[in-house]
C-alpha atoms as a PDB file:
ATOM      1  CA  MET A   1       0.000   0.000   0.000  1.00  0.00           C
ATOM      2  CA  LYS A   2       1.420   3.375  -1.041  1.00  0.00           C
ATOM      3  CA  ASN A   3       1.313   6.480   1.067  1.00  0.00           C
ATOM      4  CA  SER A   4      -0.675   9.271  -0.557  1.00  0.00           C
ATOM      5  CA  GLY A   5       0.896  12.695  -0.158  1.00  0.00           C
ATOM      6  CA  ASN A   6       3.033  13.476   2.871  1.00  0.00           C
ATOM      7  CA  VAL A   7       0.702  12.167   5.568  1.00  0.00           C
ATOM      8  CA  ALA A   8       2.422   9.903   8.116  1.00  0.00           C
ATOM      9  CA  ARG A   9       0.715   6.522   8.389  1.00  0.00           C
ATOM     10  CA  ILE A  10       2.324   5.642  11.739  1.00  0.00           C
ATOM     11  CA  THR A  11       1.486   7.672  14.829  1.00  0.00           C
ATOM     12  CA  LEU A  12       3.908   8.602  17.597  1.00  0.00           C
ATOM     13  CA  GLU A  13       1.879   6.419  19.954  1.00  0.00           C
ATOM     14  CA  GLN A  14       2.567   3.399  17.756  1.00  0.00           C
ATOM     15  CA  TRP A  15       6.284   4.179  17.638  1.00  0.00           C
ATOM     16  CA  ARG A  16       6.281   4.591  21.433  1.00  0.00           C
ATOM     17  CA  ALA A  17       4.585   1.198  21.770  1.00  0.00           C
ATOM     18  CA  LEU A  18       7.350  -0.424  19.694  1.00  0.00           C
ATOM     19  CA  ILE A  19      10.046   1.271  21.787  1.00  0.00           C
ATOM     20  CA  ALA A  20       8.384   0.231  25.047  1.00  0.00           C
ATOM     21  CA  VAL A  21       8.119  -3.424  24.004  1.00  0.00           C
ATOM     22  CA  VAL A  22      11.826  -3.477  23.138  1.00  0.00           C
ATOM     23  CA  GLU A  23      13.051  -1.641  26.239  1.00  0.00           C
ATOM     24  CA  ALA A  24      10.665  -3.222  28.739  1.00  0.00           C
ATOM     25  CA  GLY A  25      11.323  -6.712  27.401  1.00  0.00           C
ATOM     26  CA  GLY A  26       7.805  -7.721  26.420  1.00  0.00           C
ATOM     27  CA  TYR A  27       4.221  -6.651  25.826  1.00  0.00           C
ATOM     28  CA  ALA A  28       3.029  -7.001  29.423  1.00  0.00           C
ATOM     29  CA  ALA A  29       5.890  -4.925  30.839  1.00  0.00           C
ATOM     30  CA  ALA A  30       5.461  -2.378  28.029  1.00  0.00           C
ATOM     31  CA  ALA A  31       1.766  -2.040  28.884  1.00  0.00           C
ATOM     32  CA  THR A  32       2.644  -1.292  32.505  1.00  0.00           C
ATOM     33  CA  ARG A  33       5.256   1.241  31.430  1.00  0.00           C
ATOM     34  CA  LEU A  34       2.823   3.030  29.095  1.00  0.00           C
ATOM     35  CA  HIS A  35      -0.164   2.729  31.486  1.00  0.00           C
ATOM     36  CA  LYS A  36      -2.147   0.943  28.787  1.00  0.00           C
ATOM     37  CA  SER A  37      -3.720  -2.488  28.412  1.00  0.00           C
ATOM     38  CA  GLN A  38      -1.582  -5.248  26.945  1.00  0.00           C
ATOM     39  CA  SER A  39      -4.054  -5.681  24.091  1.00  0.00           C
ATOM     40  CA  ALA A  40      -3.731  -1.993  23.179  1.00  0.00           C
ATOM     41  CA  VAL A  41       0.060  -2.240  23.024  1.00  0.00           C
ATOM     42  CA  THR A  42      -0.100  -5.470  20.995  1.00  0.00           C
ATOM     43  CA  TYR A  43      -2.569  -3.922  18.559  1.00  0.00           C
ATOM     44  CA  ALA A  44      -0.403  -0.794  18.130  1.00  0.00           C
ATOM     45  CA  VAL A  45       2.674  -2.841  17.201  1.00  0.00           C
ATOM     46  CA  GLN A  46       0.708  -5.192  14.924  1.00  0.00           C
ATOM     47  CA  LYS A  47      -0.892  -2.202  13.196  1.00  0.00           C
ATOM     48  CA  LEU A  48       2.560  -0.720  12.623  1.00  0.00           C
ATOM     49  CA  GLU A  49       3.805  -3.971  11.110  1.00  0.00           C
ATOM     50  CA  THR A  50       0.744  -4.273   8.860  1.00  0.00           C
ATOM     51  CA  VAL A  51       0.883  -0.703   7.560  1.00  0.00           C
ATOM     52  CA  LEU A  52       4.606  -0.909   6.828  1.00  0.00           C
ATOM     53  CA  GLY A  53       4.465  -4.478   5.537  1.00  0.00           C
ATOM     54  CA  ILE A  54       7.292  -5.706   7.765  1.00  0.00           C
ATOM     55  CA  GLU A  55       7.880  -7.949  10.788  1.00  0.00           C
ATOM     56  CA  ALA A  56       9.489  -6.113  13.663  1.00  0.00           C
ATOM     57  CA  PHE A  57       9.737  -9.164  15.935  1.00  0.00           C
ATOM     58  CA  GLU A  58      10.363 -12.867  15.510  1.00  0.00           C
ATOM     59  CA  ILE A  59       9.889 -15.680  18.022  1.00  0.00           C
ATOM     60  CA  GLN A  60      13.051 -17.346  19.325  1.00  0.00           C
ATOM     61  CA  GLY A  61      12.130 -19.999  21.861  1.00  0.00           C
ATOM     62  CA  ARG A  62       9.582 -18.292  24.097  1.00  0.00           C
ATOM     63  CA  LYS A  63      10.874 -14.794  23.535  1.00  0.00           C
ATOM     64  CA  ALA A  64      10.070 -12.207  20.873  1.00  0.00           C
ATOM     65  CA  VAL A  65      13.244 -10.569  19.591  1.00  0.00           C
ATOM     66  CA  LEU A  66      13.794  -7.812  17.048  1.00  0.00           C
ATOM     67  CA  THR A  67      14.394  -8.744  13.442  1.00  0.00           C
ATOM     68  CA  PRO A  68      17.137  -6.800  11.591  1.00  0.00           C
ATOM     69  CA  THR A  69      14.369  -4.609  10.169  1.00  0.00           C
ATOM     70  CA  GLY A  70      12.932  -4.190  13.655  1.00  0.00           C
ATOM     71  CA  GLN A  71      16.318  -3.089  14.985  1.00  0.00           C
ATOM     72  CA  LEU A  72      16.517  -0.376  12.339  1.00  0.00           C
ATOM     73  CA  LEU A  73      12.973   0.766  13.083  1.00  0.00           C
ATOM     74  CA  TYR A  74      13.700   0.831  16.820  1.00  0.00           C
ATOM     75  CA  ARG A  75      16.740   3.093  16.365  1.00  0.00           C
ATOM     76  CA  ARG A  76      14.843   5.428  14.058  1.00  0.00           C
ATOM     77  CA  ALA A  77      11.815   5.430  16.379  1.00  0.00           C
ATOM     78  CA  ARG A  78      14.002   6.460  19.331  1.00  0.00           C
ATOM     79  CA  ALA A  79      15.386   9.368  17.336  1.00  0.00           C
ATOM     80  CA  LEU A  80      11.906  10.366  16.156  1.00  0.00           C
ATOM     81  CA  THR A  81      10.318  10.378  19.611  1.00  0.00           C
ATOM     82  CA  GLU A  82      13.275  12.220  21.162  1.00  0.00           C
ATOM     83  CA  GLU A  83      12.973  14.856  18.439  1.00  0.00           C
ATOM     84  CA  ALA A  84       9.249  15.178  19.126  1.00  0.00           C
ATOM     85  CA  LEU A  85       9.887  15.668  22.851  1.00  0.00           C
ATOM     86  CA  ALA A  86      12.573  18.264  22.119  1.00  0.00           C
ATOM     87  CA  LEU A  87      10.184  20.115  19.802  1.00  0.00           C
ATOM     88  CA  GLU A  88       7.467  20.144  22.466  1.00  0.00           C
ATOM     89  CA  ALA A  89       9.919  21.475  25.053  1.00  0.00           C
ATOM     90  CA  ALA A  90      11.148  24.132  22.618  1.00  0.00           C
ATOM     91  CA  ALA A  91       7.586  25.219  21.865  1.00  0.00           C
ATOM     92  CA  GLY A  92       6.912  25.603  25.573  1.00  0.00           C
ATOM     93  CA  THR A  93      10.076  27.656  26.040  1.00  0.00           C
ATOM     94  CA  LEU A  94       9.289  29.926  23.098  1.00  0.00           C
ATOM     95  CA  ALA A  95       5.708  30.411  24.267  1.00  0.00           C
ATOM     96  CA  ALA A  96       6.932  31.493  27.702  1.00  0.00           C
ATOM     97  CA  GLY A  97       9.697  33.770  26.374  1.00  0.00           C
ATOM     98  CA  TRP A  98      12.935  33.550  28.330  1.00  0.00           C
ATOM     99  CA  GLU A  99      13.432  30.439  30.442  1.00  0.00           C
ATOM    100  CA  PRO A 100      12.788  30.910  34.167  1.00  0.00           C
ATOM    101  CA  GLU A 101      15.754  28.664  34.990  1.00  0.00           C
ATOM    102  CA  LEU A 102      18.986  27.499  33.373  1.00  0.00           C
ATOM    103  CA  ARG A 103      20.679  24.218  34.272  1.00  0.00           C
ATOM    104  CA  LEU A 104      24.402  23.863  33.641  1.00  0.00           C
ATOM    105  CA  ALA A 105      26.796  20.936  33.898  1.00  0.00           C
ATOM    106  CA  VAL A 106      30.386  22.179  34.132  1.00  0.00           C
ATOM    107  CA  ASP A 107      33.425  19.955  34.577  1.00  0.00           C
ATOM    108  CA  VAL A 108      35.298  20.914  37.740  1.00  0.00           C
ATOM    109  CA  VAL A 109      38.505  21.464  35.789  1.00  0.00           C
ATOM    110  CA  PHE A 110      36.979  24.490  34.041  1.00  0.00           C
ATOM    111  CA  PRO A 111      38.416  27.557  35.834  1.00  0.00           C
ATOM    112  CA  THR A 112      35.989  28.574  38.567  1.00  0.00           C
ATOM    113  CA  TRP A 113      36.856  32.267  38.324  1.00  0.00           C
ATOM    114  CA  LEU A 114      36.090  32.194  34.610  1.00  0.00           C
ATOM    115  CA  LEU A 115      32.723  30.503  35.112  1.00  0.00           C
ATOM    116  CA  LEU A 116      31.734  32.965  37.832  1.00  0.00           C
ATOM    117  CA  GLU A 117      32.771  35.927  35.693  1.00  0.00           C
ATOM    118  CA  ALA A 118      30.499  34.708  32.866  1.00  0.00           C
ATOM    119  CA  LEU A 119      27.652  34.151  35.329  1.00  0.00           C
ATOM    120  CA  ARG A 120      28.219  37.638  36.792  1.00  0.00           C
ATOM    121  CA  VAL A 121      27.791  39.195  33.353  1.00  0.00           C
ATOM    122  CA  PHE A 122      24.707  37.068  32.680  1.00  0.00           C
ATOM    123  CA  ALA A 123      23.188  37.913  36.079  1.00  0.00           C
ATOM    124  CA  ALA A 124      23.539  41.629  35.353  1.00  0.00           C
ATOM    125  CA  GLU A 125      21.406  41.127  32.240  1.00  0.00           C
ATOM    126  CA  ARG A 126      18.936  38.632  33.703  1.00  0.00           C
ATOM    127  CA  PRO A 127      18.941  39.093  37.501  1.00  0.00           C
ATOM    128  CA  ALA A 128      15.693  37.152  38.056  1.00  0.00           C
ATOM    129  CA  MET A 129      16.707  33.994  36.209  1.00  0.00           C
ATOM    130  CA  ARG A 130      17.511  31.006  38.410  1.00  0.00           C
ATOM    131  CA  ILE A 131      20.730  29.078  37.813  1.00  0.00           C
ATOM    132  CA  GLU A 132      21.231  25.434  38.768  1.00  0.00           C
ATOM    133  CA  LEU A 133      24.875  24.411  38.480  1.00  0.00           C
ATOM    134  CA  TYR A 134      26.076  20.802  38.440  1.00  0.00           C
ATOM    135  CA  GLU A 135      29.820  20.566  39.054  1.00  0.00           C
ATOM    136  CA  THR A 136      30.742  17.356  37.283  1.00  0.00           C
ATOM    137  CA  VAL A 137      33.763  15.182  36.535  1.00  0.00           C
ATOM    138  CA  LEU A 138      34.332  13.310  33.237  1.00  0.00           C
ATOM    139  CA  GLY A 139      31.309  11.037  32.694  1.00  0.00           C
ATOM    140  CA  GLY A 140      29.072  13.178  34.909  1.00  0.00           C
ATOM    141  CA  THR A 141      28.887  15.838  32.208  1.00  0.00           C
ATOM    142  CA  GLU A 142      28.124  13.172  29.612  1.00  0.00           C
ATOM    143  CA  ASP A 143      25.334  11.710  31.765  1.00  0.00           C
ATOM    144  CA  ALA A 144      23.752  15.135  32.312  1.00  0.00           C
ATOM    145  CA  LEU A 145      23.633  15.676  28.558  1.00  0.00           C
ATOM    146  CA  THR A 146      22.357  12.258  27.489  1.00  0.00           C
ATOM    147  CA  GLN A 147      19.673  12.289  30.195  1.00  0.00           C
ATOM    148  CA  ARG A 148      18.607  15.803  29.135  1.00  0.00           C
ATOM    149  CA  GLN A 149      19.136  17.165  32.631  1.00  0.00           C
ATOM    150  CA  VAL A 150      20.821  20.405  31.547  1.00  0.00           C
ATOM    151  CA  ASP A 151      20.463  23.229  29.035  1.00  0.00           C
ATOM    152  CA  LEU A 152      24.188  23.798  28.615  1.00  0.00           C
ATOM    153  CA  ALA A 153      27.350  21.857  29.403  1.00  0.00           C
ATOM    154  CA  ILE A 154      31.120  22.306  29.485  1.00  0.00           C
ATOM    155  CA  GLY A 155      33.148  19.109  29.393  1.00  0.00           C
ATOM    156  CA  SER A 156      35.928  17.158  27.752  1.00  0.00           C
ATOM    157  CA  ILE A 157      33.620  14.460  26.339  1.00  0.00           C
ATOM    158  CA  ILE A 158      31.125  15.055  23.523  1.00  0.00           C
ATOM    159  CA  PRO A 159      28.602  12.181  23.677  1.00  0.00           C
ATOM    160  CA  PRO A 160      27.540  10.476  20.427  1.00  0.00           C
ATOM    161  CA  GLY A 161      24.729  12.426  18.791  1.00  0.00           C
ATOM    162  CA  PHE A 162      25.820  15.763  20.266  1.00  0.00           C
ATOM    163  CA  VAL A 163      28.005  18.544  18.898  1.00  0.00           C
ATOM    164  CA  GLY A 164      30.257  20.929  20.773  1.00  0.00           C
ATOM    165  CA  ASP A 165      32.497  23.915  20.115  1.00  0.00           C
ATOM    166  CA  PRO A 166      36.054  24.074  21.512  1.00  0.00           C
ATOM    167  CA  LEU A 167      36.013  26.503  24.431  1.00  0.00           C
ATOM    168  CA  ILE A 168      39.367  26.288  26.213  1.00  0.00           C
ATOM    169  CA  SER A 169      42.499  24.138  26.252  1.00  0.00           C
ATOM    170  CA  LEU A 170      43.818  23.348  29.730  1.00  0.00           C
ATOM    171  CA  ARG A 171      47.399  22.470  30.583  1.00  0.00           C
ATOM    172  CA  PHE A 172      47.631  19.771  33.262  1.00  0.00           C
ATOM    173  CA  VAL A 173      50.849  19.552  35.283  1.00  0.00           C
ATOM    174  CA  ALA A 174      52.084  16.921  37.737  1.00  0.00           C
ATOM    175  CA  VAL A 175      52.627  18.495  41.173  1.00  0.00           C
ATOM    176  CA  ALA A 176      53.473  17.660  44.776  1.00  0.00           C
ATOM    177  CA  ALA A 177      54.241  19.548  47.983  1.00  0.00           C
ATOM    178  CA  PRO A 178      57.783  20.985  48.163  1.00  0.00           C
ATOM    179  CA  ASP A 179      58.793  18.528  50.901  1.00  0.00           C
ATOM    180  CA  HIS A 180      57.360  15.460  49.147  1.00  0.00           C
ATOM    181  CA  PRO A 181      59.912  12.612  48.754  1.00  0.00           C
ATOM    182  CA  LEU A 182      59.618  12.817  44.968  1.00  0.00           C
ATOM    183  CA  HIS A 183      61.163  16.299  45.007  1.00  0.00           C
ATOM    184  CA  ALA A 184      64.009  15.011  47.178  1.00  0.00           C
ATOM    185  CA  LEU A 185      65.200  12.609  44.471  1.00  0.00           C
ATOM    186  CA  GLY A 186      67.176  15.406  42.858  1.00  0.00           C
ATOM    187  CA  ARG A 187      66.833  13.996  39.315  1.00  0.00           C
ATOM    188  CA  PRO A 188      64.238  13.608  36.550  1.00  0.00           C
ATOM    189  CA  ILE A 189      61.359  11.482  37.853  1.00  0.00           C
ATOM    190  CA  THR A 190      60.245   8.346  36.003  1.00  0.00           C
ATOM    191  CA  HIS A 191      56.866   6.645  35.941  1.00  0.00           C
ATOM    192  CA  GLN A 192      58.410   3.858  37.984  1.00  0.00           C
ATOM    193  CA  ASP A 193      59.172   6.420  40.707  1.00  0.00           C
ATOM    194  CA  LEU A 194      55.524   7.506  40.681  1.00  0.00           C
ATOM    195  CA  ARG A 195      54.216   3.966  41.054  1.00  0.00           C
ATOM    196  CA  VAL A 196      55.489   3.646  44.625  1.00  0.00           C
ATOM    197  CA  HIS A 197      53.905   6.904  45.808  1.00  0.00           C
ATOM    198  CA  ARG A 198      50.295   7.819  46.489  1.00  0.00           C
ATOM    199  CA  GLN A 199      48.332   9.514  43.694  1.00  0.00           C
ATOM    200  CA  MET A 200      45.332  11.775  44.371  1.00  0.00           C
ATOM    201  CA  VAL A 201      42.458  11.497  41.878  1.00  0.00           C
ATOM    202  CA  ILE A 202      39.089  13.270  41.624  1.00  0.00           C
ATOM    203  CA  ARG A 203      36.256  10.739  41.244  1.00  0.00           C
ATOM    204  CA  ASP A 204      34.307  10.451  37.991  1.00  0.00           C
ATOM    205  CA  SER A 205      30.817  11.765  38.813  1.00  0.00           C
ATOM    206  CA  GLY A 206      29.127   9.727  36.050  1.00  0.00           C
ATOM    207  CA  LEU A 207      26.592   7.111  37.090  1.00  0.00           C
ATOM    208  CA  ARG A 208      28.672   4.295  35.621  1.00  0.00           C
ATOM    209  CA  ARG A 209      31.994   5.866  36.650  1.00  0.00           C
ATOM    210  CA  HIS A 210      33.655   4.163  33.732  1.00  0.00           C
ATOM    211  CA  ARG A 211      35.828   7.044  32.554  1.00  0.00           C
ATOM    212  CA  GLU A 212      39.476   7.373  33.424  1.00  0.00           C
ATOM    213  CA  SER A 213      41.782  10.157  32.353  1.00  0.00           C
ATOM    214  CA  GLY A 214      45.525  10.589  32.456  1.00  0.00           C
ATOM    215  CA  TRP A 215      48.131   8.420  34.120  1.00  0.00           C
ATOM    216  CA  LEU A 216      46.655   6.238  36.878  1.00  0.00           C
ATOM    217  CA  GLY A 217      49.529   3.892  37.566  1.00  0.00           C
ATOM    218  CA  ALA A 218      50.075   4.380  41.292  1.00  0.00           C
ATOM    219  CA  GLU A 219      49.011   1.388  43.385  1.00  0.00           C
ATOM    220  CA  ARG A 220      48.321   3.509  46.487  1.00  0.00           C
ATOM    221  CA  ARG A 221      45.792   5.752  44.772  1.00  0.00           C
ATOM    222  CA  TRP A 222      43.305   7.843  46.750  1.00  0.00           C
ATOM    223  CA  THR A 223      40.080   8.931  45.024  1.00  0.00           C
ATOM    224  CA  VAL A 224      38.074  11.852  46.407  1.00  0.00           C
ATOM    225  CA  SER A 225      34.945  13.653  45.255  1.00  0.00           C
ATOM    226  CA  HIS A 226      35.924  17.316  45.508  1.00  0.00           C
ATOM    227  CA  LYS A 227      38.782  19.222  43.937  1.00  0.00           C
ATOM    228  CA  ALA A 228      39.356  21.301  47.086  1.00  0.00           C
ATOM    229  CA  THR A 229      39.913  18.095  49.082  1.00  0.00           C
ATOM    230  CA  ALA A 230      42.300  16.727  46.477  1.00  0.00           C
ATOM    231  CA  ILE A 231      44.364  19.917  46.276  1.00  0.00           C
ATOM    232  CA  ARG A 232      44.575  20.280  50.055  1.00  0.00           C
ATOM    233  CA  ALA A 233      45.655  16.650  50.440  1.00  0.00           C
ATOM    234  CA  VAL A 234      48.514  17.178  47.982  1.00  0.00           C
ATOM    235  CA  GLN A 235      49.534  20.372  49.782  1.00  0.00           C
ATOM    236  CA  LEU A 236      49.770  18.358  53.002  1.00  0.00           C
ATOM    237  CA  GLY A 237      52.156  15.920  51.331  1.00  0.00           C
ATOM    238  CA  LEU A 238      49.693  13.035  51.188  1.00  0.00           C
ATOM    239  CA  GLY A 239      50.353  12.367  47.505  1.00  0.00           C
ATOM    240  CA  PHE A 240      50.977  13.803  44.057  1.00  0.00           C
ATOM    241  CA  ALA A 241      48.493  14.657  41.299  1.00  0.00           C
ATOM    242  CA  TRP A 242      47.898  16.171  37.874  1.00  0.00           C
ATOM    243  CA  TYR A 243      45.900  19.405  37.943  1.00  0.00           C
ATOM    244  CA  PRO A 244      45.177  22.167  35.428  1.00  0.00           C
ATOM    245  CA  ASP A 245      47.651  24.952  36.161  1.00  0.00           C
ATOM    246  CA  GLU A 246      44.686  27.380  36.217  1.00  0.00           C
ATOM    247  CA  MET A 247      43.146  25.389  39.083  1.00  0.00           C
ATOM    248  CA  ILE A 248      46.255  25.605  41.262  1.00  0.00           C
ATOM    249  CA  ARG A 249      47.650  28.971  40.110  1.00  0.00           C
ATOM    250  CA  ASP A 250      47.724  30.437  43.645  1.00  0.00           C
ATOM    251  CA  GLU A 251      49.377  27.310  45.083  1.00  0.00           C
ATOM    252  CA  LEU A 252      52.049  27.357  42.367  1.00  0.00           C
ATOM    253  CA  GLU A 253      52.782  31.058  42.806  1.00  0.00           C
ATOM    254  CA  SER A 254      52.979  30.764  46.596  1.00  0.00           C
ATOM    255  CA  GLY A 255      55.182  27.653  46.419  1.00  0.00           C
ATOM    256  CA  ALA A 256      52.667  25.485  48.267  1.00  0.00           C
ATOM    257  CA  LEU A 257      52.829  23.126  45.281  1.00  0.00           C
ATOM    258  CA  ARG A 258      55.726  22.514  42.912  1.00  0.00           C
ATOM    259  CA  PRO A 259      55.721  20.884  39.473  1.00  0.00           C
ATOM    260  CA  LEU A 260      57.360  17.476  39.432  1.00  0.00           C
ATOM    261  CA  PRO A 261      60.355  17.215  37.069  1.00  0.00           C
ATOM    262  CA  LEU A 262      59.050  14.193  35.182  1.00  0.00           C
ATOM    263  CA  ARG A 263      61.310  12.739  32.535  1.00  0.00           C
ATOM    264  CA  GLU A 264      58.264  12.125  30.325  1.00  0.00           C
ATOM    265  CA  GLY A 265      54.630  13.211  30.550  1.00  0.00           C
ATOM    266  CA  GLY A 266      54.985  16.010  33.072  1.00  0.00           C
ATOM    267  CA  GLU A 267      52.165  17.891  31.401  1.00  0.00           C
ATOM    268  CA  ARG A 268      49.246  17.172  29.087  1.00  0.00           C
ATOM    269  CA  ARG A 269      46.542  19.139  27.296  1.00  0.00           C
ATOM    270  CA  VAL A 270      42.791  18.658  27.677  1.00  0.00           C
ATOM    271  CA  GLU A 271      40.261  20.378  25.436  1.00  0.00           C
ATOM    272  CA  LEU A 272      36.965  21.493  26.956  1.00  0.00           C
ATOM    273  CA  TYR A 273      33.897  21.932  24.757  1.00  0.00           C
ATOM    274  CA  LEU A 274      30.777  24.068  25.059  1.00  0.00           C
ATOM    275  CA  ILE A 275      27.796  21.829  24.311  1.00  0.00           C
ATOM    276  CA  LEU A 276      24.130  22.725  23.800  1.00  0.00           C
ATOM    277  CA  PRO A 277      21.999  19.554  23.966  1.00  0.00           C
ATOM    278  CA  ASP A 278      19.604  20.802  21.266  1.00  0.00           C
ATOM    279  CA  PRO A 279      21.170  23.799  19.483  1.00  0.00           C
ATOM    280  CA  ASP A 280      18.166  24.274  17.179  1.00  0.00           C
ATOM    281  CA  TYR A 281      15.750  24.373  20.101  1.00  0.00           C
ATOM    282  CA  ALA A 282      17.874  26.123  22.732  1.00  0.00           C
ATOM    283  CA  GLY A 283      16.076  28.880  24.580  1.00  0.00           C
ATOM    284  CA  PRO A 284      17.219  32.498  24.475  1.00  0.00           C
ATOM    285  CA  GLY A 285      18.753  32.234  27.950  1.00  0.00           C
ATOM    286  CA  ALA A 286      20.889  29.220  27.059  1.00  0.00           C
ATOM    287  CA  ARG A 287      22.007  30.841  23.810  1.00  0.00           C
ATOM    288  CA  ARG A 288      22.891  34.111  25.540  1.00  0.00           C
ATOM    289  CA  LEU A 289      24.857  32.419  28.306  1.00  0.00           C
ATOM    290  CA  ALA A 290      26.728  30.391  25.670  1.00  0.00           C
ATOM    291  CA  GLU A 291      27.677  33.651  23.920  1.00  0.00           C
ATOM    292  CA  ILE A 292      28.908  35.134  27.188  1.00  0.00           C
ATOM    293  CA  LEU A 293      30.958  32.034  28.014  1.00  0.00           C
ATOM    294  CA  ARG A 294      32.616  32.136  24.589  1.00  0.00           C
ATOM    295  CA  SER A 295      33.452  35.826  24.732  1.00  0.00           C
ATOM    296  CA  THR A 296      34.538  35.782  28.390  1.00  0.00           C
ATOM    297  CA  THR A 297      36.819  32.806  27.820  1.00  0.00           C
ATOM    298  CA  ALA A 298      38.311  34.260  24.641  1.00  0.00           C
ATOM    299  CA  ARG A 299      39.345  37.575  26.200  1.00  0.00           C
ATOM    300  CA  ALA A 300      39.921  36.667  29.856  1.00  0.00           C
ATOM    301  CA  GLU A 301      43.154  37.218  31.693  1.00  0.00           C
ATOM    302  CA  PRO A 302      43.462  34.937  34.731  1.00  0.00           C
ATOM    303  CA  PRO A 303      43.528  36.750  38.082  1.00  0.00           C
ATOM    304  CA  ARG A 304      46.805  36.805  39.972  1.00  0.00           C
ATOM    305  CA  ALA A 305      47.276  35.891  43.611  1.00  0.00           C
ATOM    306  CA  PRO A 306      47.784  38.897  45.939  1.00  0.00           C
END
């Protein structure tokens, strides 16, 4: 049967029924998830198959599994329904004018002073707008984006299906307290030297915590949740770490921390990206704050310690 004109023959409800059956693992569980009867869900999927002239599922043993065609339809259906939800959210935002609240996920390695300067400029323009800031690490930024929890993100990972613009390149350096035994070696430090000393690491805030970054070869590694805790621990001589030099500028200038003279890998570069989850549907507040972040970062001079 041919489609006349440009009228869609499959409704969003039918696509949602297909998605629910796949993700819930069966018709009964899908019915519970969609708050519908099992017969209604079964009919929706069967109607979809009939109209399109395909079989989305096949029986293997006692279980219905996706056919290759069904797998393709499932992926496309996910994209279609996500786009529909994004369009609905965008319509609501546009109807209300400026958003009442902006949610940001910002990796903790992004310079705090730079973030606050951008927010200061934004607050002067929009003093009544609420800001909810999530300070994330590695996979935490990725999770916030993929789960659509934020309107704007700054992180080193661009999840599949998203796009981001380079915002800032950070220089990470290996450091320790001046009286740390590594500084007492009096020679270039090797990775083998590092292995026998404690390394301080900031915990990945992602739900799966599967991301790792940089050299993590020390057996006596300590992992903490906050950058202030990690920096203070290194100052007290409890270990060594890699930090962005912007994050520890005051400690470096005061001598509280000293770069380690590593023979190889004493510094590394990490690119941070500015990511809008749905650039086409971003509200005016998210777009304006993104502009301010770009311009503030491009022209900023880092503050010096007194």
